[in-house]
Amino acid sequence: MLVAGAATVAGTGPATAATTCAGLAGLTIPASAMSLPTTGGRVTSASVATGPAGEYCRADADLFPVDRAAPSIKMRVALPRDWNRKALMFGGGGYNGTIPDVASNVPFGPADRPVPLARGYATFASDSGHQQNPASPPSLDGSFGANDEALVNFAAGDALKKTRDASLFLIRRAYGTSPAETFFAGGSTGGREALNVAQRWPTAFDGVISAYPAWNNMAEILDLGYLTQVLSKPGAFPGPDKQKLVYDSVIAACDGRDGVGDNVVSNPGGCRFDPRVLRCPGGADTGPACLSDAQIGAVTAMSTPFRWPYRIASGETQYPGFPFLSGADMRTPFLGFGTTAPANPMPVTSGYGMQYWDQWVKYFLTRDPQYRSLDVDPRHPGRWLGRISELSKVQDRNNADLRPFARAGGKLILLHGAADELVSPYSTSDYYERVRSVAGPRTTDGFLRYYVVPGANHANFGTPAFAAAWDSLTALERWVDKGQSPANPVVTDLAHARTRPLCAYPGWPRYRAGDPDSASSYVCTR
């Protein structure tokens, strides 16, 4: 076994990735190593890989299900030779189905700092308990939802704890000791997973980074279903030219309100824009320079809270909608809108959110792959209401009570881009306010920091107005190790070589004077 901080493997001479791997190949992972039910697991391969940390041992394993019809959880652990006595788990994205890159960076991570594996972290991740069909668009295969165990592994997050426990078992076997600290980092679905582990297993992770989290998954799915209905109506879908028209018009109306014209709206809450100013004469679609009445209705629906007129078991009642400025700088289309209207069958060129809804209807809700997703109206689900309510108990388990995590000494950094086009930043702000309401402001300030990044979109997709990068991992380390909370953090725009202060919510950066590309020229205000 590779002893942490030592240069030798006990009794075998110099420590190398090869000797570490040799001790893991074919290893059985007992079911007792995991706190949730499995039938154990096995290391399927262990080999030497070369990456940013030099040579490391990459071990792949399968965790076996209780239900023989359910798929295994496929996971991977990266074990660096020069281990820093810390471990980090990566979250997934969309419907998962593939193992995240264990040699990657944290969400919105910096370009000028080593990735976690290169810093000496033992890193690990899993596919959350199912394997994506290679023919499906990435992260958009929901077919696993037809199996209850696979659904709970993904939607309730059970695969997270199983993966964490099995990974720590392998880390102990490799290094002869447990990590001194274990972190989690994820965005989107991975952001929801980050909040899930903090809530459900408050002592399992010492620090958590949650970026643009789809934390209330069922609520967002119902909104996506509603928008799918709206955008499918004749003439309602605004194509890429009209999406750009909306975006450019919002920027023109609101950009300078923070003191500088830089194509970034720093205070979205202060941006008031009425899409009716873009109305075509008579309300008909007369070309790319205006919006028809049907398109105005669709754009308004995107940015308006969706409330459903029935009760579901999770207690959720609405989803807050998206900012008008959602999206990239419109050299690429809205990730949420896509380039063509939703239809039956769902086009692959429709928005990511519409395709996500389509998969959910087919495999989570109806469990009928031939079901036409446009035939389910989230406003009036009829015979599907009971199933929606049951699924809400699984998919919306984040209840915002993080007091046990705080009492255990856990620290949480929460991030969201103000121009996110797939997961609403308003939803994350709602989550933060719920945490403060439950735990109280003083307790919340002791373990949680929440930042909204102006101009940043979902996962820096395409060509965002502000390609956010911040060394949140170092900030988290200092907070966990030394009790030093983040102080005056600065976020970098990788696309435009500029910086801004990263203001704790509800603060935002207002320009004072000086170089508009320098964070020192701004002050956080409310």
Protein backbone atom coordinates (compact mmCIF):
# COMPACT_ATOMS: atom_id res chain seq x y z
CA MET A 1 0.00 0.00 0.00
CA LEU A 2 1.13 3.53 -0.73
CA VAL A 3 1.66 5.39 2.53
CA ALA A 4 0.66 9.04 2.41
CA GLY A 5 3.58 11.40 2.39
CA ALA A 6 6.08 8.56 2.18
CA ALA A 7 8.35 7.60 -0.67
CA THR A 8 7.97 3.85 -0.36
CA VAL A 9 5.32 1.23 -0.48
CA ALA A 10 5.51 -0.73 2.77
CA GLY A 11 7.95 -3.59 2.28
CA THR A 12 8.23 -3.20 -1.49
CA GLY A 13 10.64 -0.34 -2.20
CA PRO A 14 10.00 2.95 -4.00
CA ALA A 15 6.35 3.97 -4.31
CA THR A 16 5.06 4.20 -7.85
CA ALA A 17 1.66 4.40 -9.51
CA ALA A 18 2.31 0.87 -10.79
CA THR A 19 2.78 -0.62 -7.33
CA THR A 20 -0.30 1.18 -6.08
CA CYS A 21 -2.37 -0.16 -8.97
CA ALA A 22 -1.04 -3.68 -8.52
CA GLY A 23 -2.55 -3.82 -5.08
CA LEU A 24 -5.99 -2.70 -6.30
CA ALA A 25 -6.51 -4.71 -9.47
CA GLY A 26 -9.39 -7.13 -9.01
CA LEU A 27 -9.98 -6.05 -5.42
CA THR A 28 -13.39 -6.85 -3.92
CA ILE A 29 -15.23 -3.94 -2.29
CA PRO A 30 -17.39 -5.40 0.49
CA ALA A 31 -20.99 -4.28 0.84
CA SER A 32 -20.14 -3.39 4.44
CA ALA A 33 -17.88 -0.59 3.17
CA MET A 34 -20.98 1.32 2.08
CA SER A 35 -23.68 2.73 4.35
CA LEU A 36 -26.45 2.28 1.76
CA PRO A 37 -27.60 -1.08 0.34
CA THR A 38 -25.51 -2.66 -2.42
CA THR A 39 -24.26 -6.16 -3.06
CA GLY A 40 -20.66 -5.03 -2.91
CA GLY A 41 -18.34 -4.16 -5.74
CA ARG A 42 -15.12 -4.94 -7.54
CA VAL A 43 -12.23 -3.06 -9.08
CA THR A 44 -12.54 -3.85 -12.78
CA SER A 45 -9.27 -2.28 -13.86
CA ALA A 46 -6.32 -0.48 -12.33
CA SER A 47 -3.70 1.06 -14.55
CA VAL A 48 -1.06 3.74 -14.62
CA ALA A 49 -2.14 6.98 -16.27
CA THR A 50 -0.20 10.14 -17.00
CA GLY A 51 -1.80 13.49 -16.36
CA PRO A 52 -1.32 16.91 -14.78
CA ALA A 53 0.03 15.29 -11.60
CA GLY A 54 2.47 13.09 -13.45
CA GLU A 55 1.89 9.38 -13.06
CA TYR A 56 -1.10 8.30 -11.04
CA CYS A 57 -3.09 5.14 -10.54
CA ARG A 58 -6.53 5.14 -12.17
CA ALA A 59 -8.80 2.50 -10.71
CA ASP A 60 -12.24 1.75 -12.17
CA ALA A 61 -14.82 -0.19 -10.19
CA ASP A 62 -18.40 -1.44 -10.41
CA LEU A 63 -20.74 -1.21 -7.42
CA PHE A 64 -23.37 -3.90 -7.74
CA PRO A 65 -27.10 -3.17 -7.28
CA VAL A 66 -29.56 -4.90 -4.99
CA ASP A 67 -32.05 -5.26 -7.83
CA ARG A 68 -30.47 -7.57 -10.40
CA ALA A 69 -32.31 -5.69 -13.14
CA ALA A 70 -30.69 -2.40 -12.16
CA PRO A 71 -27.40 -1.26 -13.67
CA SER A 72 -24.22 -1.11 -11.63
CA ILE A 73 -22.67 2.14 -10.50
CA LYS A 74 -19.49 2.66 -12.48
CA MET A 75 -16.91 4.76 -10.67
CA ARG A 76 -13.31 5.89 -11.00
CA VAL A 77 -10.63 6.90 -8.51
CA ALA A 78 -7.41 8.75 -9.36
CA LEU A 79 -4.58 8.22 -6.86
CA PRO A 80 -1.58 10.55 -7.20
CA ARG A 81 1.83 9.47 -5.95
CA ASP A 82 2.34 12.73 -4.03
CA TRP A 83 -0.92 12.68 -2.13
CA ASN A 84 -1.86 15.77 -0.10
CA ARG A 85 -4.02 13.73 2.31
CA LYS A 86 -7.18 15.18 0.77
CA ALA A 87 -9.88 13.78 -1.50
CA LEU A 88 -12.36 15.42 -3.85
CA MET A 89 -15.47 14.00 -5.50
CA PHE A 90 -16.80 15.44 -8.74
CA GLY A 91 -20.51 15.72 -9.51
CA GLY A 92 -22.11 15.04 -12.87
CA GLY A 93 -24.37 16.88 -15.31
CA GLY A 94 -27.77 16.49 -16.92
CA TYR A 95 -28.95 12.90 -16.60
CA ASN A 96 -25.34 11.80 -15.95
CA GLY A 97 -24.62 8.33 -17.37
CA THR A 98 -20.87 8.85 -17.83
CA ILE A 99 -18.07 9.19 -15.31
CA PRO A 100 -16.86 12.80 -15.02
CA ASP A 101 -13.22 13.46 -15.81
CA VAL A 102 -11.36 12.94 -12.53
CA ALA A 103 -8.49 15.05 -13.89
CA SER A 104 -10.72 18.07 -14.56
CA ASN A 105 -11.23 21.31 -12.67
CA VAL A 106 -13.98 22.45 -10.34
CA PRO A 107 -16.88 24.42 -11.92
CA PHE A 108 -15.83 27.97 -12.84
CA GLY A 109 -12.29 26.93 -11.89
CA PRO A 110 -9.26 29.11 -12.68
CA ALA A 111 -7.05 28.59 -15.72
CA ASP A 112 -3.84 29.63 -13.94
CA ARG A 113 -3.97 27.12 -11.07
CA PRO A 114 -3.45 23.36 -11.14
CA VAL A 115 -6.51 21.13 -11.21
CA PRO A 116 -7.26 19.19 -8.00
CA LEU A 117 -5.44 16.02 -9.11
CA ALA A 118 -2.33 18.07 -9.90
CA ARG A 119 -2.54 19.61 -6.42
CA GLY A 120 -2.26 16.15 -4.93
CA TYR A 121 -5.93 15.38 -4.35
CA ALA A 122 -7.16 11.84 -4.69
CA THR A 123 -10.16 12.45 -6.93
CA PHE A 124 -13.17 10.28 -7.67
CA ALA A 125 -16.54 10.27 -9.42
CA SER A 126 -19.22 7.94 -10.80
CA ASP A 127 -21.88 7.77 -13.50
CA SER A 128 -24.52 7.93 -10.71
CA GLY A 129 -25.71 4.41 -11.37
CA HIS A 130 -26.45 4.05 -15.08
CA GLN A 131 -24.67 4.12 -18.42
CA GLN A 132 -25.76 6.48 -21.18
CA ASN A 133 -26.70 5.13 -24.58
CA PRO A 134 -23.85 6.27 -26.87
CA ALA A 135 -26.42 7.19 -29.52
CA SER A 136 -28.06 9.76 -27.23
CA PRO A 137 -26.96 13.39 -26.99
CA PRO A 138 -24.52 13.82 -24.07
CA SER A 139 -26.24 13.80 -20.66
CA LEU A 140 -29.70 13.48 -22.25
CA ASP A 141 -30.47 9.77 -21.86
CA GLY A 142 -33.17 9.30 -19.24
CA SER A 143 -33.96 5.66 -20.06
CA PHE A 144 -32.57 4.43 -16.74
CA GLY A 145 -35.58 6.05 -15.03
CA ALA A 146 -37.63 2.97 -15.84
CA ASN A 147 -35.82 1.14 -12.99
CA ASP A 148 -36.61 2.20 -9.43
CA GLU A 149 -33.16 1.58 -7.98
CA ALA A 150 -31.44 3.41 -10.83
CA LEU A 151 -33.88 6.30 -10.49
CA VAL A 152 -33.25 6.64 -6.74
CA ASN A 153 -29.48 6.34 -7.23
CA PHE A 154 -29.62 9.34 -9.58
CA ALA A 155 -32.56 11.49 -8.51
CA ALA A 156 -32.35 11.04 -4.73
CA GLY A 157 -28.55 10.92 -4.77
CA ASP A 158 -28.02 7.48 -3.23
CA ALA A 159 -25.22 6.75 -5.73
CA LEU A 160 -23.28 9.70 -4.30
CA LYS A 161 -22.89 8.18 -0.85
CA LYS A 162 -22.20 4.70 -2.24
CA THR A 163 -19.48 6.14 -4.48
CA ARG A 164 -18.00 8.18 -1.68
CA ASP A 165 -17.83 5.21 0.69
CA ALA A 166 -16.34 2.86 -1.90
CA SER A 167 -13.79 5.47 -2.98
CA LEU A 168 -12.62 6.07 0.56
CA PHE A 169 -12.29 2.31 0.99
CA LEU A 170 -9.95 2.22 -2.03
CA ILE A 171 -8.04 5.30 -0.84
CA ARG A 172 -7.42 3.62 2.52
CA ARG A 173 -6.20 0.48 0.78
CA ALA A 174 -3.86 2.51 -1.42
CA TYR A 175 -2.41 4.89 1.14
CA GLY A 176 -2.92 3.09 4.44
CA THR A 177 -4.99 5.90 5.92
CA SER A 178 -8.17 7.89 5.33
CA PRO A 179 -8.18 11.40 3.88
CA ALA A 180 -7.80 14.16 6.43
CA GLU A 181 -10.39 16.13 4.46
CA THR A 182 -12.91 15.24 1.77
CA PHE A 183 -14.48 17.79 -0.58
CA PHE A 184 -17.23 17.76 -3.22
CA ALA A 185 -17.50 19.96 -6.30
CA GLY A 186 -20.20 20.00 -8.96
CA GLY A 187 -22.28 22.18 -11.25
CA SER A 188 -25.83 21.91 -12.59
CA THR A 189 -26.91 18.35 -11.72
CA GLY A 190 -23.58 18.18 -9.92
CA GLY A 191 -24.51 21.37 -8.07
CA ARG A 192 -27.71 19.69 -6.89
CA GLU A 193 -25.65 16.68 -5.87
CA ALA A 194 -23.35 18.96 -3.88
CA LEU A 195 -26.27 20.35 -1.89
CA ASN A 196 -27.69 16.85 -1.55
CA VAL A 197 -24.58 15.43 0.13
CA ALA A 198 -24.34 18.41 2.47
CA GLN A 199 -27.93 17.91 3.58
CA ARG A 200 -28.32 14.12 3.63
CA TRP A 201 -24.84 13.16 4.91
CA PRO A 202 -23.62 16.20 6.83
CA THR A 203 -20.42 14.56 8.10
CA ALA A 204 -19.40 12.92 4.81
CA PHE A 205 -17.73 16.00 3.30
CA ASP A 206 -15.79 18.79 4.97
CA GLY A 207 -16.29 21.32 2.20
CA VAL A 208 -18.61 21.63 -0.78
CA ILE A 209 -18.60 23.73 -3.96
CA SER A 210 -22.03 23.96 -5.59
CA ALA A 211 -22.29 25.83 -8.89
CA TYR A 212 -25.49 26.69 -10.79
CA PRO A 213 -27.34 23.89 -8.93
CA ALA A 214 -30.52 22.37 -10.33
CA TRP A 215 -31.51 21.80 -6.72
CA ASN A 216 -35.32 21.71 -7.14
CA ASN A 217 -35.23 19.32 -10.07
CA MET A 218 -38.93 18.52 -10.20
CA ALA A 219 -39.96 22.16 -10.01
CA GLU A 220 -37.65 23.05 -12.87
CA ILE A 221 -38.84 20.08 -14.94
CA LEU A 222 -42.44 21.25 -14.61
CA ASP A 223 -41.40 24.72 -15.77
CA LEU A 224 -39.46 23.22 -18.69
CA GLY A 225 -42.54 21.20 -19.61
CA TYR A 226 -44.69 24.32 -19.53
CA LEU A 227 -42.21 26.20 -21.72
CA THR A 228 -42.09 23.25 -24.11
CA GLN A 229 -45.85 23.59 -24.48
CA VAL A 230 -45.61 27.36 -25.03
CA LEU A 231 -42.78 27.19 -27.57
CA SER A 232 -44.48 24.44 -29.56
CA LYS A 233 -47.47 26.64 -30.40
CA PRO A 234 -47.65 27.84 -34.04
CA GLY A 235 -45.49 30.92 -34.55
CA ALA A 236 -44.40 31.15 -30.91
CA PHE A 237 -40.80 29.97 -31.22
CA PRO A 238 -38.26 32.81 -31.60
CA GLY A 239 -35.43 31.61 -33.82
CA PRO A 240 -31.78 32.47 -33.20
CA ASP A 241 -32.07 35.88 -34.92
CA LYS A 242 -34.91 36.87 -32.63
CA GLN A 243 -33.17 35.46 -29.59
CA LYS A 244 -30.23 37.73 -30.44
CA LEU A 245 -32.64 40.64 -30.88
CA VAL A 246 -34.00 40.13 -27.37
CA TYR A 247 -30.56 39.78 -25.85
CA ASP A 248 -29.13 42.84 -27.61
CA SER A 249 -32.18 44.89 -26.63
CA VAL A 250 -31.83 43.94 -22.97
CA ILE A 251 -28.14 44.84 -23.00
CA ALA A 252 -28.91 48.18 -24.64
CA ALA A 253 -31.55 48.95 -22.03
CA CYS A 254 -29.70 47.83 -18.90
CA ASP A 255 -25.94 47.58 -19.48
CA GLY A 256 -24.95 51.07 -18.35
CA ARG A 257 -26.92 51.03 -15.12
CA ASP A 258 -23.91 49.65 -13.21
CA GLY A 259 -21.80 52.63 -14.27
CA VAL A 260 -20.01 51.21 -17.29
CA GLY A 261 -20.93 49.88 -20.73
CA ASP A 262 -19.26 46.48 -20.95
CA ASN A 263 -22.00 44.11 -22.21
CA VAL A 264 -22.47 42.85 -18.66
CA VAL A 265 -25.55 43.66 -16.60
CA SER A 266 -24.15 43.63 -13.08
CA ASN A 267 -27.48 44.16 -11.32
CA PRO A 268 -30.10 42.00 -13.08
CA GLY A 269 -32.60 42.82 -10.35
CA GLY A 270 -32.47 46.46 -11.43
CA CYS A 271 -32.99 45.66 -15.11
CA ARG A 272 -36.52 46.41 -16.29
CA PHE A 273 -37.28 45.38 -19.83
CA ASP A 274 -40.64 44.99 -21.54
CA PRO A 275 -40.41 42.79 -24.66
CA ARG A 276 -43.49 44.49 -26.04
CA VAL A 277 -41.22 47.32 -27.20
CA LEU A 278 -40.06 44.86 -29.88
CA ARG A 279 -43.58 44.15 -31.16
CA CYS A 280 -44.00 43.84 -34.91
CA PRO A 281 -46.64 46.10 -36.48
CA GLY A 282 -50.01 44.50 -35.91
CA GLY A 283 -48.46 41.71 -33.86
CA ALA A 284 -47.71 39.53 -36.90
CA ASP A 285 -44.27 38.05 -37.61
CA THR A 286 -42.83 40.44 -40.18
CA GLY A 287 -39.14 39.55 -39.92
CA PRO A 288 -36.07 39.29 -37.68
CA ALA A 289 -36.20 42.91 -36.45
CA CYS A 290 -39.29 42.45 -34.27
CA LEU A 291 -41.35 39.95 -32.29
CA SER A 292 -44.83 38.71 -33.03
CA ASP A 293 -47.44 38.60 -30.29
CA ALA A 294 -46.93 34.84 -30.01
CA GLN A 295 -43.17 35.28 -29.63
CA ILE A 296 -43.61 38.04 -27.04
CA GLY A 297 -45.79 35.61 -25.11
CA ALA A 298 -43.12 32.90 -25.29
CA VAL A 299 -40.30 35.21 -24.20
CA THR A 300 -42.45 36.53 -21.36
CA ALA A 301 -43.25 32.96 -20.25
CA MET A 302 -39.52 32.19 -20.08
CA SER A 303 -38.94 35.07 -17.68
CA THR A 304 -42.10 34.71 -15.57
CA PRO A 305 -42.57 32.43 -12.54
CA PHE A 306 -44.50 29.27 -13.36
CA ARG A 307 -46.99 28.27 -10.68
CA TRP A 308 -48.95 25.04 -10.89
CA PRO A 309 -52.52 24.92 -9.57
CA TYR A 310 -52.20 21.68 -7.59
CA ARG A 311 -50.36 20.28 -4.58
CA ILE A 312 -47.37 17.95 -4.83
CA ALA A 313 -45.71 16.01 -2.02
CA SER A 314 -42.48 18.03 -1.99
CA GLY A 315 -44.42 21.18 -1.12
CA GLU A 316 -42.97 23.11 -4.05
CA THR A 317 -45.45 25.46 -5.69
CA GLN A 318 -43.53 27.31 -8.41
CA TYR A 319 -40.33 27.84 -10.40
CA PRO A 320 -39.12 31.45 -10.67
CA GLY A 321 -38.37 31.75 -14.39
CA PHE A 322 -35.23 33.00 -16.13
CA PRO A 323 -33.68 36.46 -16.52
CA PHE A 324 -34.31 38.22 -19.82
CA LEU A 325 -30.57 38.36 -20.38
CA SER A 326 -30.14 34.59 -20.13
CA GLY A 327 -27.77 33.09 -22.66
CA ALA A 328 -24.41 33.61 -24.21
CA ASP A 329 -23.53 36.78 -26.07
CA MET A 330 -25.74 35.33 -28.80
CA ARG A 331 -23.04 34.26 -31.20
CA THR A 332 -24.55 30.96 -30.08
CA PRO A 333 -28.27 30.40 -29.45
CA PHE A 334 -29.89 30.17 -26.07
CA LEU A 335 -29.02 26.79 -24.60
CA GLY A 336 -32.53 26.63 -23.19
CA PHE A 337 -34.32 27.65 -26.42
CA GLY A 338 -32.36 25.74 -29.04
CA THR A 339 -32.68 26.52 -32.73
CA THR A 340 -35.99 24.85 -33.60
CA ALA A 341 -39.36 24.62 -31.93
CA PRO A 342 -40.20 21.59 -29.78
CA ALA A 343 -42.42 18.99 -31.43
CA ASN A 344 -43.45 15.33 -31.35
CA PRO A 345 -41.02 13.60 -31.74
CA MET A 346 -38.64 16.01 -29.99
CA PRO A 347 -35.98 17.39 -32.37
CA VAL A 348 -32.36 17.20 -31.25
CA THR A 349 -32.11 20.86 -32.28
CA SER A 350 -34.71 21.92 -29.75
CA GLY A 351 -33.49 23.37 -26.48
CA TYR A 352 -31.62 21.24 -23.97
CA GLY A 353 -34.38 21.86 -21.46
CA MET A 354 -37.05 20.66 -23.89
CA GLN A 355 -35.12 17.47 -24.59
CA TYR A 356 -34.65 16.95 -20.86
CA TRP A 357 -38.44 17.22 -20.40
CA ASP A 358 -39.02 14.76 -23.24
CA GLN A 359 -36.80 12.13 -21.60
CA TRP A 360 -38.39 12.69 -18.20
CA VAL A 361 -41.89 12.18 -19.55
CA LYS A 362 -40.93 9.00 -21.39
CA TYR A 363 -38.91 7.29 -18.66
CA PHE A 364 -39.63 8.90 -15.29
CA LEU A 365 -43.30 9.85 -15.56
CA THR A 366 -45.03 7.47 -17.95
CA ARG A 367 -42.27 4.85 -18.36
CA ASP A 368 -43.44 4.54 -21.93
CA PRO A 369 -40.68 5.30 -24.51
CA GLN A 370 -43.34 5.91 -27.17
CA TYR A 371 -45.24 8.50 -25.14
CA ARG A 372 -45.52 11.91 -26.76
CA SER A 373 -44.14 14.39 -24.25
CA LEU A 374 -46.18 17.28 -25.65
CA ASP A 375 -49.29 15.35 -24.60
CA VAL A 376 -48.48 16.06 -20.93
CA ASP A 377 -49.47 19.56 -19.82
CA PRO A 378 -47.79 20.45 -16.49
CA ARG A 379 -50.64 22.89 -15.78
CA HIS A 380 -53.23 20.12 -16.04
CA PRO A 381 -51.46 16.75 -15.71
CA GLY A 382 -54.67 14.78 -15.20
CA ARG A 383 -53.97 11.12 -14.47
CA TRP A 384 -50.26 11.83 -14.07
CA LEU A 385 -50.66 14.08 -11.03
CA GLY A 386 -50.15 11.26 -8.53
CA ARG A 387 -46.96 10.13 -10.23
CA ILE A 388 -45.67 13.71 -10.38
CA SER A 389 -46.27 14.04 -6.66
CA GLU A 390 -44.46 10.77 -5.89
CA LEU A 391 -41.49 11.72 -8.07
CA SER A 392 -41.31 15.10 -6.35
CA LYS A 393 -40.43 13.35 -3.08
CA VAL A 394 -37.43 11.79 -4.80
CA GLN A 395 -36.32 14.63 -7.06
CA ASP A 396 -36.85 17.59 -4.71
CA ARG A 397 -35.29 16.21 -1.53
CA ASN A 398 -33.17 19.28 -0.84
CA ASN A 399 -35.09 20.92 1.99
CA ALA A 400 -32.51 23.66 2.73
CA ASP A 401 -31.90 22.50 6.32
CA LEU A 402 -28.12 22.54 6.42
CA ARG A 403 -27.83 23.03 10.18
CA PRO A 404 -26.34 19.54 10.75
CA PHE A 405 -23.72 20.27 8.08
CA ALA A 406 -22.90 23.56 9.79
CA ARG A 407 -22.68 21.90 13.21
CA ALA A 408 -20.27 19.34 11.75
CA GLY A 409 -17.99 22.18 10.65
CA GLY A 410 -18.81 21.91 6.95
CA LYS A 411 -18.30 24.87 4.63
CA LEU A 412 -20.25 25.58 1.45
CA ILE A 413 -19.44 27.88 -1.48
CA LEU A 414 -22.46 28.49 -3.72
CA LEU A 415 -22.07 30.06 -7.19
CA HIS A 416 -24.42 30.98 -10.01
CA GLY A 417 -24.13 32.99 -13.20
CA ALA A 418 -26.60 35.85 -13.49
CA ALA A 419 -27.20 35.03 -17.18
CA ASP A 420 -27.75 31.28 -16.77
CA GLU A 421 -30.04 29.99 -19.51
CA LEU A 422 -30.66 26.46 -18.20
CA VAL A 423 -30.93 26.70 -14.41
CA SER A 424 -32.43 29.91 -13.10
CA PRO A 425 -30.19 31.97 -10.80
CA TYR A 426 -33.41 33.16 -9.15
CA SER A 427 -33.94 29.58 -8.02
CA THR A 428 -30.54 29.44 -6.30
CA SER A 429 -31.22 32.78 -4.64
CA ASP A 430 -34.48 31.29 -3.38
CA TYR A 431 -32.55 28.31 -1.97
CA TYR A 432 -30.09 30.62 -0.22
CA GLU A 433 -32.92 32.58 1.37
CA ARG A 434 -34.49 29.33 2.56
CA VAL A 435 -31.22 28.28 4.19
CA ARG A 436 -31.02 31.64 5.98
CA SER A 437 -34.62 31.32 7.07
CA VAL A 438 -34.03 27.86 8.56
CA ALA A 439 -30.57 28.32 10.05
CA GLY A 440 -30.67 32.04 10.77
CA PRO A 441 -28.38 34.73 9.31
CA ARG A 442 -25.56 34.29 11.84
CA THR A 443 -25.28 30.52 11.44
CA THR A 444 -25.59 30.80 7.67
CA ASP A 445 -22.81 33.39 7.46
CA GLY A 446 -20.61 31.04 9.47
CA PHE A 447 -20.62 28.24 6.89
CA LEU A 448 -22.05 29.50 3.57
CA ARG A 449 -21.05 32.06 0.96
CA TYR A 450 -23.24 32.68 -2.09
CA TYR A 451 -22.06 34.62 -5.15
CA VAL A 452 -23.97 35.58 -8.31
CA VAL A 453 -21.52 36.23 -11.16
CA PRO A 454 -22.69 39.01 -13.52
CA GLY A 455 -22.70 38.04 -17.18
CA ALA A 456 -21.85 34.39 -16.54
CA ASN A 457 -24.03 31.73 -18.11
CA HIS A 458 -24.45 27.99 -17.58
CA ALA A 459 -21.05 26.30 -17.22
CA ASN A 460 -19.38 28.92 -19.46
CA PHE A 461 -21.22 27.35 -22.38
CA GLY A 462 -20.47 28.72 -25.85
CA THR A 463 -19.28 32.32 -25.81
CA PRO A 464 -20.60 33.88 -22.60
CA ALA A 465 -20.50 37.59 -21.93
CA PHE A 466 -18.35 36.79 -18.89
CA ALA A 467 -16.45 33.47 -18.83
CA ALA A 468 -16.13 33.15 -15.07
CA ALA A 469 -13.05 31.73 -13.34
CA TRP A 470 -12.28 31.78 -9.63
CA ASP A 471 -10.09 29.64 -7.41
CA SER A 472 -12.93 28.51 -5.17
CA LEU A 473 -11.03 25.39 -4.11
CA THR A 474 -8.22 27.35 -2.46
CA ALA A 475 -10.83 29.58 -0.80
CA LEU A 476 -12.62 26.49 0.50
CA GLU A 477 -9.37 24.94 1.75
CA ARG A 478 -8.51 28.06 3.75
CA TRP A 479 -11.99 28.16 5.23
CA VAL A 480 -11.94 24.50 6.24
CA ASP A 481 -8.28 24.35 7.31
CA LYS A 482 -7.81 27.73 8.97
CA GLY A 483 -11.29 29.10 9.56
CA GLN A 484 -10.61 31.95 7.11
CA SER A 485 -13.79 32.70 5.18
CA PRO A 486 -13.45 34.08 1.63
CA ALA A 487 -12.40 37.73 1.79
CA ASN A 488 -12.73 40.13 -1.14
CA PRO A 489 -12.62 37.42 -3.83
CA VAL A 490 -12.00 38.42 -7.43
CA VAL A 491 -13.45 36.61 -10.46
CA THR A 492 -11.69 36.61 -13.83
CA ASP A 493 -13.32 36.74 -17.26
CA LEU A 494 -11.28 34.25 -19.28
CA ALA A 495 -12.72 35.45 -22.59
CA HIS A 496 -12.05 39.18 -22.20
CA ALA A 497 -9.04 39.43 -19.85
CA ARG A 498 -10.83 41.43 -17.16
CA THR A 499 -11.66 41.01 -13.49
CA ARG A 500 -14.54 41.91 -11.22
CA PRO A 501 -15.08 41.71 -7.48
CA LEU A 502 -17.06 38.62 -6.54
CA CYS A 503 -19.76 40.11 -4.36
CA ALA A 504 -21.56 38.12 -1.69
CA TYR A 505 -25.28 37.96 -2.46
CA PRO A 506 -27.25 40.19 -2.71
CA GLY A 507 -24.33 42.45 -3.54
CA TRP A 508 -23.24 43.35 -7.06
CA PRO A 509 -20.24 45.27 -8.49
CA ARG A 510 -20.80 48.95 -9.26
CA TYR A 511 -18.19 50.84 -11.25
CA ARG A 512 -16.49 53.71 -9.36
CA ALA A 513 -13.54 54.98 -11.41
CA GLY A 514 -10.40 53.78 -13.13
CA ASP A 515 -9.74 50.89 -15.49
CA PRO A 516 -13.10 49.25 -16.25
CA ASP A 517 -11.32 45.93 -16.77
CA SER A 518 -9.93 45.88 -13.22
CA ALA A 519 -11.79 44.65 -10.16
CA SER A 520 -10.23 47.47 -8.12
CA SER A 521 -12.37 49.94 -10.06
CA TYR A 522 -15.59 48.51 -8.62
CA VAL A 523 -17.27 48.38 -5.25
CA CYS A 524 -19.78 45.81 -4.04
CA THR A 525 -23.11 47.45 -3.38
CA ARG A 526 -26.74 46.46 -2.79
